[in-house]
Every structure is written in structure tokens, then in C-alpha cells.
Amino acid sequence: MPSKLTLSAKVAIIGAGPLGRWLALSAARAGFRVLLEDVMPANLHHAQEYIRGQLVPDGRKNAGPTTTVAKATSAQDDSVMIGVAYVSTIEDAVREADLAIDCVPDELESKLEILWLLDRMAPPRTVFATPTTRLSIVDLAGCTYRPEKCVAIAAEARDLAGNSNAEILLRTTAQTTPETVALVENFWRRLGFTPTFENEGRADS
């Protein structure tokens, strides 16, 4: 049966820049346990301030343009804060992750490096989702030992943050398993998006 992320699932987000911060907040609001990683302490500090600033007790929208805050009580806001852990190493982020999303620059060298690190450090069950509009998921997945667990998020950061209820394109290969598709689809649906899929075909042998 296809896997789905439960509310006890752990989501590792690599990079605490604008996209990583928004993903951490949105995933925590959806009920997931989030580990947000960045090697720069200042980035993690800014992420904490961002998330805290978005959690308004009366549920009104914060002045920032990046996300709409759903109506929530203070207790719910506290649960979101508890649901996000801040770590400074990739190993700590992915050690028990069910899904890992990198937020590194959309450049071949950066993507290959982060996927190599994730592949080394994450348990075999971990699915990788990488945002890219320029690179082939066939090529990227082929550089890991788990090509069947790799999916591309074909969207720019500016198209994701604060844009729930929109369609989101996810690119797969012929090796991508139904379980991987179901897990990633479930994640985005819980965040309020409507996932669509495009298959790039099979990686070269």
C-alpha cells in the first residue's frame, strides 16, 4: 500500500533561508515534526524570529507578505513552536527523517553536493524532494543510491511561499516508486497545495 506521511512523521528541511523558514512553519502548522538545519547560527536565529513573528495569538495575518496565518489559539501556536527543532548539522536533521527537502541554490554543483550528503546520512527510508526548475530529476536521482526515492519540486521559491491552494508540479522518473509519489503528494496536500506529476522517464543505465 502506498506510504503516507502521518502527523508523527519527521520532515528535515535543509537551509533556513526564506524558503526553508516558510516550509518549516507550514509543515509544523500541518502537524509534522520539523527539523530545520542551517550551518549558519544567524540563519537559524532569523528562522526562529520569523516563525515566532508569524504566530499571532488572535490568528490575524502578520504584516509580512510571505504567509497567511490560519486562525489559531495560543495553545496551537505553542504546538507549532514545539514542532520545529533547529539543528546545525545535516546529520542531525536527517537521522530519523521520513522526508528531506533541500533549499540550496538551484545549481548543479550545489544540488549534487547536497544530495550526496543526504544520501550518505539519511536512513534508507528517507525520501528526497529537491526544488529545481532548471535541472533534470533523472540526472540528480541517478547520482544517489536511492533514485526511486527522489522527486523534483518544479517551482520557484517565490511561487511557493504564501501561495497555498495553488497547483504544484512534481517531477519523477520511471524509477520513482508509488510509495514515494504518495508520500510527497500527501505532504503537499497537507500544506494546502494541489500536486500534479510529470514523469521525465528512466535514467540511463
N, C-alpha and C. Protein backbone atom coordinates (compact mmCIF):
# COMPACT_ATOMS: atom_id res chain seq x y z
N MET A 1 0.85 -1.19 0.00
CA MET A 1 0.00 0.00 0.00
C MET A 1 0.88 1.24 0.00
N PRO A 2 0.56 2.29 -0.78
CA PRO A 2 1.37 3.48 -0.83
C PRO A 2 1.52 4.13 0.54
N SER A 3 2.74 4.61 0.83
CA SER A 3 3.01 5.25 2.11
C SER A 3 2.45 6.65 2.14
N LYS A 4 2.05 7.06 3.34
CA LYS A 4 1.63 8.44 3.54
C LYS A 4 2.31 8.96 4.78
N LEU A 5 2.60 10.25 4.79
CA LEU A 5 3.21 10.84 5.97
C LEU A 5 2.15 11.00 7.05
N THR A 6 2.40 10.43 8.21
CA THR A 6 1.50 10.63 9.33
C THR A 6 1.88 11.91 10.05
N LEU A 7 1.05 12.33 10.97
CA LEU A 7 1.34 13.56 11.70
C LEU A 7 2.53 13.40 12.64
N SER A 8 2.97 12.16 12.86
CA SER A 8 4.17 11.96 13.68
C SER A 8 5.43 11.88 12.82
N ALA A 9 5.27 12.02 11.50
CA ALA A 9 6.42 11.93 10.60
C ALA A 9 7.37 13.09 10.81
N LYS A 10 8.65 12.83 10.53
CA LYS A 10 9.66 13.87 10.66
C LYS A 10 10.06 14.38 9.28
N VAL A 11 10.05 15.69 9.14
CA VAL A 11 10.43 16.33 7.89
C VAL A 11 11.69 17.15 8.13
N ALA A 12 12.76 16.84 7.41
CA ALA A 12 14.01 17.59 7.52
C ALA A 12 14.05 18.63 6.41
N ILE A 13 14.33 19.87 6.79
CA ILE A 13 14.45 20.95 5.82
C ILE A 13 15.87 21.49 5.92
N ILE A 14 16.57 21.41 4.80
CA ILE A 14 17.98 21.77 4.79
C ILE A 14 18.12 23.18 4.22
N GLY A 15 18.51 24.11 5.08
CA GLY A 15 18.65 25.50 4.69
C GLY A 15 17.55 26.35 5.31
N ALA A 16 17.93 27.33 6.12
CA ALA A 16 16.96 28.15 6.86
C ALA A 16 16.80 29.53 6.25
N GLY A 17 16.97 29.62 4.92
CA GLY A 17 16.69 30.87 4.24
C GLY A 17 15.19 31.09 4.12
N PRO A 18 14.76 32.05 3.29
CA PRO A 18 13.33 32.36 3.18
C PRO A 18 12.45 31.15 2.86
N LEU A 19 12.87 30.31 1.90
CA LEU A 19 12.05 29.15 1.57
C LEU A 19 12.05 28.14 2.70
N GLY A 20 13.22 27.87 3.29
CA GLY A 20 13.30 26.91 4.38
C GLY A 20 12.47 27.33 5.58
N ARG A 21 12.50 28.63 5.91
CA ARG A 21 11.71 29.13 7.04
C ARG A 21 10.22 28.94 6.79
N TRP A 22 9.80 29.29 5.57
CA TRP A 22 8.39 29.16 5.24
C TRP A 22 7.95 27.69 5.26
N LEU A 23 8.78 26.81 4.71
CA LEU A 23 8.46 25.39 4.71
C LEU A 23 8.36 24.85 6.14
N ALA A 24 9.29 25.26 6.99
CA ALA A 24 9.28 24.79 8.38
C ALA A 24 7.99 25.21 9.08
N LEU A 25 7.60 26.46 8.93
CA LEU A 25 6.38 26.96 9.55
C LEU A 25 5.16 26.23 8.99
N SER A 26 5.09 26.11 7.66
CA SER A 26 3.93 25.49 7.03
C SER A 26 3.81 24.02 7.39
N ALA A 27 4.94 23.30 7.41
CA ALA A 27 4.91 21.88 7.75
C ALA A 27 4.52 21.68 9.21
N ALA A 28 5.02 22.55 10.10
CA ALA A 28 4.65 22.45 11.51
C ALA A 28 3.17 22.75 11.70
N ARG A 29 2.67 23.73 10.99
CA ARG A 29 1.23 24.05 11.06
C ARG A 29 0.39 22.88 10.57
N ALA A 30 0.92 22.12 9.61
CA ALA A 30 0.20 20.96 9.09
C ALA A 30 0.29 19.76 10.03
N GLY A 31 1.07 19.89 11.10
CA GLY A 31 1.14 18.85 12.12
C GLY A 31 2.38 17.98 12.07
N PHE A 32 3.30 18.25 11.13
CA PHE A 32 4.51 17.44 11.04
C PHE A 32 5.54 17.88 12.07
N ARG A 33 6.43 16.98 12.41
CA ARG A 33 7.58 17.30 13.27
C ARG A 33 8.72 17.72 12.35
N VAL A 34 9.21 18.93 12.54
CA VAL A 34 10.15 19.53 11.59
C VAL A 34 11.52 19.72 12.23
N LEU A 35 12.56 19.38 11.46
CA LEU A 35 13.92 19.69 11.85
C LEU A 35 14.48 20.63 10.79
N LEU A 36 14.76 21.86 11.18
CA LEU A 36 15.25 22.87 10.26
C LEU A 36 16.75 23.03 10.48
N GLU A 37 17.53 22.81 9.41
CA GLU A 37 19.00 22.82 9.52
C GLU A 37 19.62 23.99 8.79
N ASP A 38 20.64 24.55 9.39
CA ASP A 38 21.50 25.52 8.71
C ASP A 38 22.82 25.56 9.46
N VAL A 39 23.92 25.65 8.70
CA VAL A 39 25.23 25.69 9.35
C VAL A 39 25.51 27.07 9.94
N MET A 40 24.73 28.07 9.51
CA MET A 40 24.95 29.43 10.00
C MET A 40 24.01 29.72 11.16
N PRO A 41 24.54 29.93 12.38
CA PRO A 41 23.68 30.22 13.52
C PRO A 41 22.76 31.42 13.29
N ALA A 42 23.26 32.42 12.57
CA ALA A 42 22.43 33.61 12.32
C ALA A 42 21.19 33.25 11.51
N ASN A 43 21.32 32.34 10.57
CA ASN A 43 20.16 31.93 9.78
C ASN A 43 19.13 31.22 10.64
N LEU A 44 19.59 30.36 11.54
CA LEU A 44 18.66 29.67 12.43
C LEU A 44 17.98 30.67 13.36
N HIS A 45 18.73 31.66 13.82
CA HIS A 45 18.14 32.69 14.69
C HIS A 45 17.06 33.46 13.93
N HIS A 46 17.35 33.85 12.70
CA HIS A 46 16.37 34.58 11.90
C HIS A 46 15.14 33.71 11.64
N ALA A 47 15.36 32.41 11.44
CA ALA A 47 14.23 31.50 11.22
C ALA A 47 13.35 31.43 12.46
N GLN A 48 13.96 31.34 13.64
CA GLN A 48 13.19 31.31 14.87
C GLN A 48 12.37 32.59 15.02
N GLU A 49 12.99 33.72 14.74
CA GLU A 49 12.28 35.00 14.85
C GLU A 49 11.15 35.08 13.84
N TYR A 50 11.39 34.59 12.64
CA TYR A 50 10.37 34.60 11.60
C TYR A 50 9.16 33.77 12.04
N ILE A 51 9.43 32.55 12.50
CA ILE A 51 8.34 31.66 12.89
C ILE A 51 7.59 32.23 14.08
N ARG A 52 8.31 32.75 15.05
CA ARG A 52 7.66 33.35 16.21
C ARG A 52 6.82 34.56 15.79
N GLY A 53 7.35 35.34 14.85
CA GLY A 53 6.63 36.53 14.40
C GLY A 53 5.36 36.23 13.63
N GLN A 54 5.30 35.04 13.02
CA GLN A 54 4.11 34.67 12.26
C GLN A 54 3.01 34.09 13.13
N LEU A 55 3.33 33.74 14.34
CA LEU A 55 2.35 33.10 15.22
C LEU A 55 1.67 34.15 16.09
N VAL A 56 0.59 34.71 15.54
CA VAL A 56 -0.15 35.74 16.28
C VAL A 56 -1.31 35.12 17.02
N PRO A 57 -1.47 35.41 18.31
CA PRO A 57 -2.49 34.74 19.11
C PRO A 57 -3.90 34.85 18.56
N ASP A 58 -4.27 36.00 17.95
CA ASP A 58 -5.66 36.16 17.50
C ASP A 58 -5.89 35.66 16.10
N GLY A 59 -4.81 35.09 15.45
CA GLY A 59 -4.99 34.47 14.16
C GLY A 59 -5.02 35.43 13.00
N ARG A 60 -4.75 36.72 13.23
CA ARG A 60 -4.74 37.66 12.11
C ARG A 60 -3.48 37.50 11.30
N LYS A 61 -3.50 37.98 10.07
CA LYS A 61 -2.34 37.88 9.20
C LYS A 61 -1.25 38.81 9.70
N ASN A 62 -0.04 38.28 9.78
CA ASN A 62 1.11 39.09 10.14
C ASN A 62 1.41 40.10 9.05
N ALA A 63 2.11 41.17 9.39
CA ALA A 63 2.41 42.22 8.42
C ALA A 63 3.26 41.73 7.26
N GLY A 64 4.04 40.65 7.48
CA GLY A 64 4.89 40.14 6.41
C GLY A 64 4.06 39.52 5.30
N PRO A 65 4.55 39.56 4.05
CA PRO A 65 3.78 39.09 2.91
C PRO A 65 3.91 37.60 2.62
N THR A 66 4.70 36.87 3.42
CA THR A 66 5.09 35.54 2.98
C THR A 66 4.11 34.44 3.30
N THR A 67 3.24 34.63 4.31
CA THR A 67 2.33 33.54 4.63
C THR A 67 1.07 34.06 5.29
N THR A 68 -0.01 33.37 5.08
CA THR A 68 -1.25 33.70 5.74
C THR A 68 -1.40 32.81 6.95
N VAL A 69 -1.62 33.42 8.11
CA VAL A 69 -1.71 32.68 9.35
C VAL A 69 -3.16 32.24 9.56
N ALA A 70 -3.36 30.94 9.63
CA ALA A 70 -4.70 30.43 9.88
C ALA A 70 -5.13 30.77 11.29
N LYS A 71 -6.43 30.86 11.52
CA LYS A 71 -6.91 31.19 12.85
C LYS A 71 -6.43 30.14 13.83
N ALA A 72 -5.83 30.59 14.91
CA ALA A 72 -5.23 29.66 15.85
C ALA A 72 -5.29 30.24 17.25
N THR A 73 -5.26 29.36 18.22
CA THR A 73 -5.19 29.78 19.61
C THR A 73 -3.74 29.84 20.03
N SER A 74 -3.49 30.44 21.19
CA SER A 74 -2.13 30.48 21.70
C SER A 74 -1.58 29.08 21.91
N ALA A 75 -2.44 28.16 22.37
CA ALA A 75 -2.00 26.78 22.58
C ALA A 75 -1.57 26.15 21.27
N GLN A 76 -2.31 26.42 20.19
CA GLN A 76 -1.92 25.88 18.89
C GLN A 76 -0.62 26.50 18.42
N ASP A 77 -0.45 27.79 18.67
CA ASP A 77 0.80 28.44 18.29
C ASP A 77 1.97 27.81 19.03
N ASP A 78 1.76 27.52 20.33
CA ASP A 78 2.83 26.88 21.10
C ASP A 78 3.18 25.52 20.51
N SER A 79 2.17 24.78 20.03
CA SER A 79 2.44 23.46 19.48
C SER A 79 3.25 23.57 18.20
N VAL A 80 3.04 24.63 17.43
CA VAL A 80 3.84 24.83 16.23
C VAL A 80 5.29 25.10 16.61
N MET A 81 5.50 25.96 17.62
CA MET A 81 6.86 26.26 18.06
C MET A 81 7.56 24.98 18.54
N ILE A 82 6.83 24.15 19.27
CA ILE A 82 7.41 22.91 19.76
C ILE A 82 7.69 21.96 18.60
N GLY A 83 6.89 22.05 17.54
CA GLY A 83 7.03 21.15 16.41
C GLY A 83 8.21 21.42 15.52
N VAL A 84 8.94 22.52 15.74
CA VAL A 84 10.11 22.87 14.94
C VAL A 84 11.35 22.80 15.82
N ALA A 85 12.30 21.95 15.44
CA ALA A 85 13.59 21.89 16.12
C ALA A 85 14.64 22.47 15.18
N TYR A 86 15.61 23.19 15.75
CA TYR A 86 16.63 23.86 14.97
C TYR A 86 17.97 23.16 15.20
N VAL A 87 18.58 22.69 14.10
CA VAL A 87 19.83 21.93 14.21
C VAL A 87 20.86 22.52 13.26
N SER A 88 22.13 22.27 13.57
CA SER A 88 23.20 22.89 12.80
C SER A 88 23.98 21.92 11.92
N THR A 89 23.55 20.65 11.89
CA THR A 89 24.22 19.69 11.01
C THR A 89 23.18 18.91 10.22
N ILE A 90 23.53 18.54 9.00
CA ILE A 90 22.65 17.74 8.16
C ILE A 90 22.40 16.39 8.81
N GLU A 91 23.43 15.82 9.41
CA GLU A 91 23.29 14.51 10.05
C GLU A 91 22.20 14.54 11.11
N ASP A 92 22.19 15.58 11.95
CA ASP A 92 21.16 15.69 12.99
C ASP A 92 19.77 15.87 12.37
N ALA A 93 19.71 16.58 11.24
CA ALA A 93 18.41 16.85 10.63
C ALA A 93 17.78 15.60 10.03
N VAL A 94 18.59 14.77 9.39
CA VAL A 94 18.02 13.66 8.61
C VAL A 94 18.11 12.31 9.30
N ARG A 95 18.67 12.27 10.49
CA ARG A 95 18.92 10.98 11.14
C ARG A 95 17.65 10.12 11.23
N GLU A 96 16.50 10.73 11.48
CA GLU A 96 15.25 9.98 11.60
C GLU A 96 14.19 10.52 10.65
N ALA A 97 14.61 11.22 9.60
CA ALA A 97 13.66 11.88 8.71
C ALA A 97 12.94 10.90 7.79
N ASP A 98 11.66 11.16 7.59
CA ASP A 98 10.89 10.42 6.59
C ASP A 98 10.94 11.13 5.24
N LEU A 99 11.06 12.45 5.28
CA LEU A 99 11.14 13.27 4.08
C LEU A 99 12.18 14.35 4.31
N ALA A 100 13.06 14.55 3.32
CA ALA A 100 14.07 15.61 3.40
C ALA A 100 13.91 16.53 2.19
N ILE A 101 13.83 17.82 2.45
CA ILE A 101 13.71 18.82 1.39
C ILE A 101 14.89 19.76 1.50
N ASP A 102 15.66 19.89 0.43
CA ASP A 102 16.79 20.82 0.47
C ASP A 102 16.37 22.17 -0.09
N CYS A 103 16.97 23.22 0.43
CA CYS A 103 16.68 24.58 -0.03
C CYS A 103 17.98 25.26 -0.46
N VAL A 104 18.84 24.52 -1.13
CA VAL A 104 20.10 25.07 -1.61
C VAL A 104 19.87 25.70 -2.98
N PRO A 105 20.81 26.51 -3.47
CA PRO A 105 20.65 27.15 -4.79
C PRO A 105 20.39 26.13 -5.90
N ASP A 106 19.59 26.55 -6.87
CA ASP A 106 19.22 25.68 -7.98
C ASP A 106 20.34 25.63 -9.02
N GLU A 107 21.46 25.06 -8.60
CA GLU A 107 22.65 24.93 -9.44
C GLU A 107 23.15 23.50 -9.34
N LEU A 108 23.67 22.97 -10.43
CA LEU A 108 24.05 21.57 -10.48
C LEU A 108 25.01 21.18 -9.37
N GLU A 109 26.07 21.95 -9.18
CA GLU A 109 27.07 21.60 -8.17
C GLU A 109 26.47 21.56 -6.78
N SER A 110 25.64 22.56 -6.46
CA SER A 110 25.02 22.61 -5.13
C SER A 110 24.07 21.45 -4.92
N LYS A 111 23.28 21.14 -5.94
CA LYS A 111 22.31 20.05 -5.82
C LYS A 111 23.01 18.69 -5.69
N LEU A 112 24.04 18.48 -6.49
CA LEU A 112 24.76 17.20 -6.40
C LEU A 112 25.41 17.04 -5.04
N GLU A 113 25.97 18.11 -4.51
CA GLU A 113 26.64 18.04 -3.21
C GLU A 113 25.64 17.73 -2.10
N ILE A 114 24.49 18.41 -2.11
CA ILE A 114 23.54 18.20 -1.01
C ILE A 114 22.90 16.82 -1.11
N LEU A 115 22.60 16.36 -2.32
CA LEU A 115 22.00 15.03 -2.46
C LEU A 115 22.99 13.94 -2.07
N TRP A 116 24.28 14.16 -2.37
CA TRP A 116 25.30 13.20 -1.95
C TRP A 116 25.37 13.11 -0.43
N LEU A 117 25.32 14.26 0.23
CA LEU A 117 25.37 14.29 1.69
C LEU A 117 24.11 13.65 2.29
N LEU A 118 22.96 14.00 1.75
CA LEU A 118 21.72 13.42 2.26
C LEU A 118 21.71 11.91 2.08
N ASP A 119 22.17 11.45 0.93
CA ASP A 119 22.18 10.03 0.63
C ASP A 119 23.08 9.27 1.61
N ARG A 120 24.16 9.90 2.00
CA ARG A 120 25.09 9.29 2.94
C ARG A 120 24.52 9.22 4.35
N MET A 121 23.80 10.25 4.75
CA MET A 121 23.45 10.42 6.17
C MET A 121 22.03 10.00 6.52
N ALA A 122 21.14 10.00 5.56
CA ALA A 122 19.75 9.68 5.86
C ALA A 122 19.52 8.17 5.87
N PRO A 123 18.57 7.69 6.66
CA PRO A 123 18.24 6.26 6.63
C PRO A 123 17.64 5.87 5.28
N PRO A 124 17.66 4.59 4.95
CA PRO A 124 17.20 4.14 3.63
C PRO A 124 15.77 4.54 3.31
N ARG A 125 14.92 4.70 4.31
CA ARG A 125 13.51 5.01 4.05
C ARG A 125 13.27 6.46 3.62
N THR A 126 14.25 7.35 3.87
CA THR A 126 14.03 8.78 3.65
C THR A 126 13.86 9.11 2.18
N VAL A 127 12.81 9.87 1.90
CA VAL A 127 12.54 10.36 0.55
C VAL A 127 13.14 11.76 0.40
N PHE A 128 13.74 12.04 -0.77
CA PHE A 128 14.33 13.34 -1.04
C PHE A 128 13.44 14.12 -2.01
N ALA A 129 13.14 15.35 -1.67
CA ALA A 129 12.43 16.25 -2.58
C ALA A 129 13.30 17.49 -2.76
N THR A 130 13.63 17.81 -4.00
CA THR A 130 14.55 18.92 -4.26
C THR A 130 13.90 19.96 -5.18
N PRO A 131 13.78 21.19 -4.74
CA PRO A 131 13.21 22.23 -5.60
C PRO A 131 14.16 22.57 -6.74
N THR A 132 13.71 22.42 -7.97
CA THR A 132 14.53 22.80 -9.13
C THR A 132 13.64 23.02 -10.34
N THR A 133 13.89 24.11 -11.04
CA THR A 133 13.20 24.37 -12.30
C THR A 133 14.16 24.25 -13.48
N ARG A 134 15.45 24.05 -13.19
CA ARG A 134 16.48 24.04 -14.23
C ARG A 134 17.09 22.68 -14.50
N LEU A 135 17.08 21.82 -13.50
CA LEU A 135 17.84 20.57 -13.58
C LEU A 135 16.92 19.38 -13.73
N SER A 136 17.45 18.30 -14.31
CA SER A 136 16.69 17.08 -14.53
C SER A 136 16.71 16.21 -13.28
N ILE A 137 15.54 15.78 -12.84
CA ILE A 137 15.50 14.89 -11.69
C ILE A 137 16.07 13.52 -12.05
N VAL A 138 16.02 13.15 -13.33
CA VAL A 138 16.65 11.90 -13.76
C VAL A 138 18.15 11.95 -13.47
N ASP A 139 18.79 13.04 -13.84
CA ASP A 139 20.23 13.18 -13.60
C ASP A 139 20.55 13.26 -12.12
N LEU A 140 19.77 14.04 -11.38
CA LEU A 140 20.04 14.21 -9.95
C LEU A 140 19.81 12.90 -9.19
N ALA A 141 18.69 12.24 -9.47
CA ALA A 141 18.39 10.99 -8.77
C ALA A 141 19.41 9.91 -9.09
N GLY A 142 19.94 9.93 -10.33
CA GLY A 142 20.91 8.94 -10.75
C GLY A 142 22.23 9.04 -10.02
N CYS A 143 22.45 10.14 -9.31
CA CYS A 143 23.69 10.32 -8.55
C CYS A 143 23.53 9.86 -7.11
N THR A 144 22.40 9.26 -6.77
CA THR A 144 22.18 8.74 -5.42
C THR A 144 22.04 7.22 -5.49
N TYR A 145 22.04 6.60 -4.32
CA TYR A 145 21.81 5.16 -4.24
C TYR A 145 20.32 4.86 -4.05
N ARG A 146 19.49 5.90 -4.13
CA ARG A 146 18.05 5.70 -3.97
C ARG A 146 17.27 6.52 -5.00
N PRO A 147 17.54 6.32 -6.28
CA PRO A 147 16.85 7.11 -7.31
C PRO A 147 15.34 6.94 -7.26
N GLU A 148 14.88 5.82 -6.73
CA GLU A 148 13.45 5.58 -6.64
C GLU A 148 12.77 6.42 -5.58
N LYS A 149 13.58 7.11 -4.75
CA LYS A 149 13.04 7.92 -3.66
C LYS A 149 13.33 9.42 -3.85
N CYS A 150 13.54 9.82 -5.10
CA CYS A 150 13.86 11.23 -5.39
C CYS A 150 12.77 11.86 -6.25
N VAL A 151 12.36 13.06 -5.87
CA VAL A 151 11.33 13.81 -6.59
C VAL A 151 11.79 15.26 -6.70
N ALA A 152 11.52 15.88 -7.84
CA ALA A 152 11.81 17.30 -8.02
C ALA A 152 10.56 18.12 -7.78
N ILE A 153 10.72 19.25 -7.10
CA ILE A 153 9.65 20.21 -6.90
C ILE A 153 9.88 21.31 -7.93
N ALA A 154 9.07 21.32 -8.98
CA ALA A 154 9.30 22.23 -10.11
C ALA A 154 8.62 23.57 -9.86
N ALA A 155 9.16 24.30 -8.89
CA ALA A 155 8.58 25.60 -8.55
C ALA A 155 9.65 26.51 -7.99
N GLU A 156 9.54 27.79 -8.29
CA GLU A 156 10.43 28.79 -7.71
C GLU A 156 9.99 29.05 -6.27
N ALA A 157 10.96 29.45 -5.45
CA ALA A 157 10.65 29.75 -4.05
C ALA A 157 9.53 30.79 -3.94
N ARG A 158 9.57 31.79 -4.79
CA ARG A 158 8.57 32.86 -4.71
C ARG A 158 7.17 32.36 -5.08
N ASP A 159 7.10 31.22 -5.80
CA ASP A 159 5.81 30.67 -6.17
C ASP A 159 5.22 29.78 -5.08
N LEU A 160 6.03 29.44 -4.09
CA LEU A 160 5.57 28.56 -3.02
C LEU A 160 5.10 29.35 -1.81
N ALA A 161 5.96 30.21 -1.29
CA ALA A 161 5.67 30.89 -0.03
C ALA A 161 4.40 31.72 -0.14
N GLY A 162 3.46 31.44 0.74
CA GLY A 162 2.23 32.21 0.78
C GLY A 162 1.29 31.94 -0.37
N ASN A 163 1.48 30.83 -1.08
CA ASN A 163 0.68 30.57 -2.27
C ASN A 163 -0.07 29.25 -2.17
N SER A 164 -0.54 28.94 -0.96
CA SER A 164 -1.29 27.71 -0.76
C SER A 164 -2.55 27.71 -1.62
N ASN A 165 -3.10 26.53 -1.83
CA ASN A 165 -4.28 26.30 -2.67
C ASN A 165 -3.94 26.35 -4.15
N ALA A 166 -2.67 26.51 -4.49
CA ALA A 166 -2.25 26.52 -5.89
C ALA A 166 -1.81 25.12 -6.30
N GLU A 167 -1.69 24.90 -7.61
CA GLU A 167 -1.13 23.66 -8.10
C GLU A 167 0.39 23.69 -7.94
N ILE A 168 0.96 22.53 -7.71
CA ILE A 168 2.41 22.42 -7.64
C ILE A 168 2.84 21.23 -8.47
N LEU A 169 3.81 21.44 -9.37
CA LEU A 169 4.29 20.38 -10.26
C LEU A 169 5.43 19.62 -9.61
N LEU A 170 5.30 18.31 -9.56
CA LEU A 170 6.33 17.43 -9.02
C LEU A 170 6.80 16.53 -10.14
N ARG A 171 8.13 16.47 -10.35
CA ARG A 171 8.69 15.69 -11.44
C ARG A 171 9.32 14.41 -10.90
N THR A 172 9.06 13.30 -11.58
CA THR A 172 9.54 12.00 -11.17
C THR A 172 10.28 11.34 -12.33
N THR A 173 10.82 10.15 -12.07
CA THR A 173 11.42 9.33 -13.12
C THR A 173 10.64 8.02 -13.19
N ALA A 174 10.97 7.19 -14.17
CA ALA A 174 10.31 5.89 -14.27
C ALA A 174 10.68 4.98 -13.11
N GLN A 175 11.73 5.34 -12.37
CA GLN A 175 12.14 4.54 -11.22
C GLN A 175 11.42 4.94 -9.94
N THR A 176 10.79 6.08 -9.93
CA THR A 176 10.14 6.57 -8.71
C THR A 176 9.01 5.60 -8.31
N THR A 177 9.03 5.19 -7.06
CA THR A 177 8.04 4.21 -6.61
C THR A 177 6.71 4.88 -6.28
N PRO A 178 5.62 4.11 -6.36
CA PRO A 178 4.32 4.65 -5.95
C PRO A 178 4.32 5.14 -4.50
N GLU A 179 5.08 4.47 -3.64
CA GLU A 179 5.16 4.89 -2.24
C GLU A 179 5.78 6.28 -2.12
N THR A 180 6.81 6.54 -2.91
CA THR A 180 7.45 7.86 -2.89
C THR A 180 6.48 8.92 -3.38
N VAL A 181 5.80 8.63 -4.47
CA VAL A 181 4.82 9.58 -5.02
C VAL A 181 3.74 9.89 -3.99
N ALA A 182 3.22 8.85 -3.35
CA ALA A 182 2.15 9.05 -2.37
C ALA A 182 2.61 9.87 -1.19
N LEU A 183 3.83 9.62 -0.72
CA LEU A 183 4.35 10.34 0.44
C LEU A 183 4.51 11.82 0.12
N VAL A 184 5.13 12.15 -1.02
CA VAL A 184 5.35 13.55 -1.37
C VAL A 184 4.03 14.24 -1.67
N GLU A 185 3.14 13.54 -2.34
CA GLU A 185 1.82 14.12 -2.63
C GLU A 185 1.09 14.44 -1.34
N ASN A 186 1.13 13.53 -0.38
CA ASN A 186 0.47 13.74 0.90
C ASN A 186 1.03 14.96 1.62
N PHE A 187 2.34 15.13 1.57
CA PHE A 187 2.96 16.28 2.23
C PHE A 187 2.41 17.58 1.67
N TRP A 188 2.40 17.72 0.34
CA TRP A 188 1.96 18.98 -0.26
C TRP A 188 0.46 19.20 -0.09
N ARG A 189 -0.31 18.13 -0.10
CA ARG A 189 -1.75 18.30 0.13
C ARG A 189 -2.01 18.81 1.53
N ARG A 190 -1.26 18.32 2.49
CA ARG A 190 -1.43 18.80 3.87
C ARG A 190 -1.03 20.27 4.00
N LEU A 191 -0.15 20.73 3.13
CA LEU A 191 0.22 22.14 3.13
C LEU A 191 -0.77 22.99 2.34
N GLY A 192 -1.76 22.38 1.73
CA GLY A 192 -2.80 23.12 1.04
C GLY A 192 -2.63 23.25 -0.46
N PHE A 193 -1.66 22.53 -1.03
CA PHE A 193 -1.41 22.59 -2.47
C PHE A 193 -2.11 21.43 -3.19
N THR A 194 -2.24 21.57 -4.50
CA THR A 194 -2.77 20.50 -5.34
C THR A 194 -1.63 19.98 -6.20
N PRO A 195 -1.05 18.83 -5.86
CA PRO A 195 0.09 18.31 -6.63
C PRO A 195 -0.32 17.72 -7.98
N THR A 196 0.50 18.00 -8.98
CA THR A 196 0.40 17.31 -10.26
C THR A 196 1.77 16.71 -10.56
N PHE A 197 1.79 15.64 -11.35
CA PHE A 197 3.04 14.92 -11.56
C PHE A 197 3.39 14.85 -13.04
N GLU A 198 4.68 14.92 -13.28
CA GLU A 198 5.22 14.78 -14.64
C GLU A 198 6.39 13.81 -14.57
N ASN A 199 6.35 12.78 -15.41
CA ASN A 199 7.40 11.76 -15.41
C ASN A 199 8.43 12.08 -16.48
N GLU A 200 9.69 12.23 -16.06
CA GLU A 200 10.76 12.56 -17.01
C GLU A 200 11.29 11.34 -17.75
N GLY A 201 10.93 10.16 -17.29
CA GLY A 201 11.45 8.96 -17.94
C GLY A 201 12.52 8.30 -17.11
N ARG A 202 13.09 7.24 -17.65
CA ARG A 202 14.07 6.43 -16.90
C ARG A 202 15.48 6.96 -17.10
N ALA A 203 16.23 6.92 -16.01
CA ALA A 203 17.64 7.31 -16.08
C ALA A 203 18.40 6.33 -16.97
N ASP A 204 19.47 6.83 -17.59
CA ASP A 204 20.30 5.95 -18.41
C ASP A 204 20.95 4.88 -17.56
N SER A 205 21.05 3.66 -18.09
CA SER A 205 21.72 2.61 -17.34
C SER A 205 23.20 2.66 -17.55
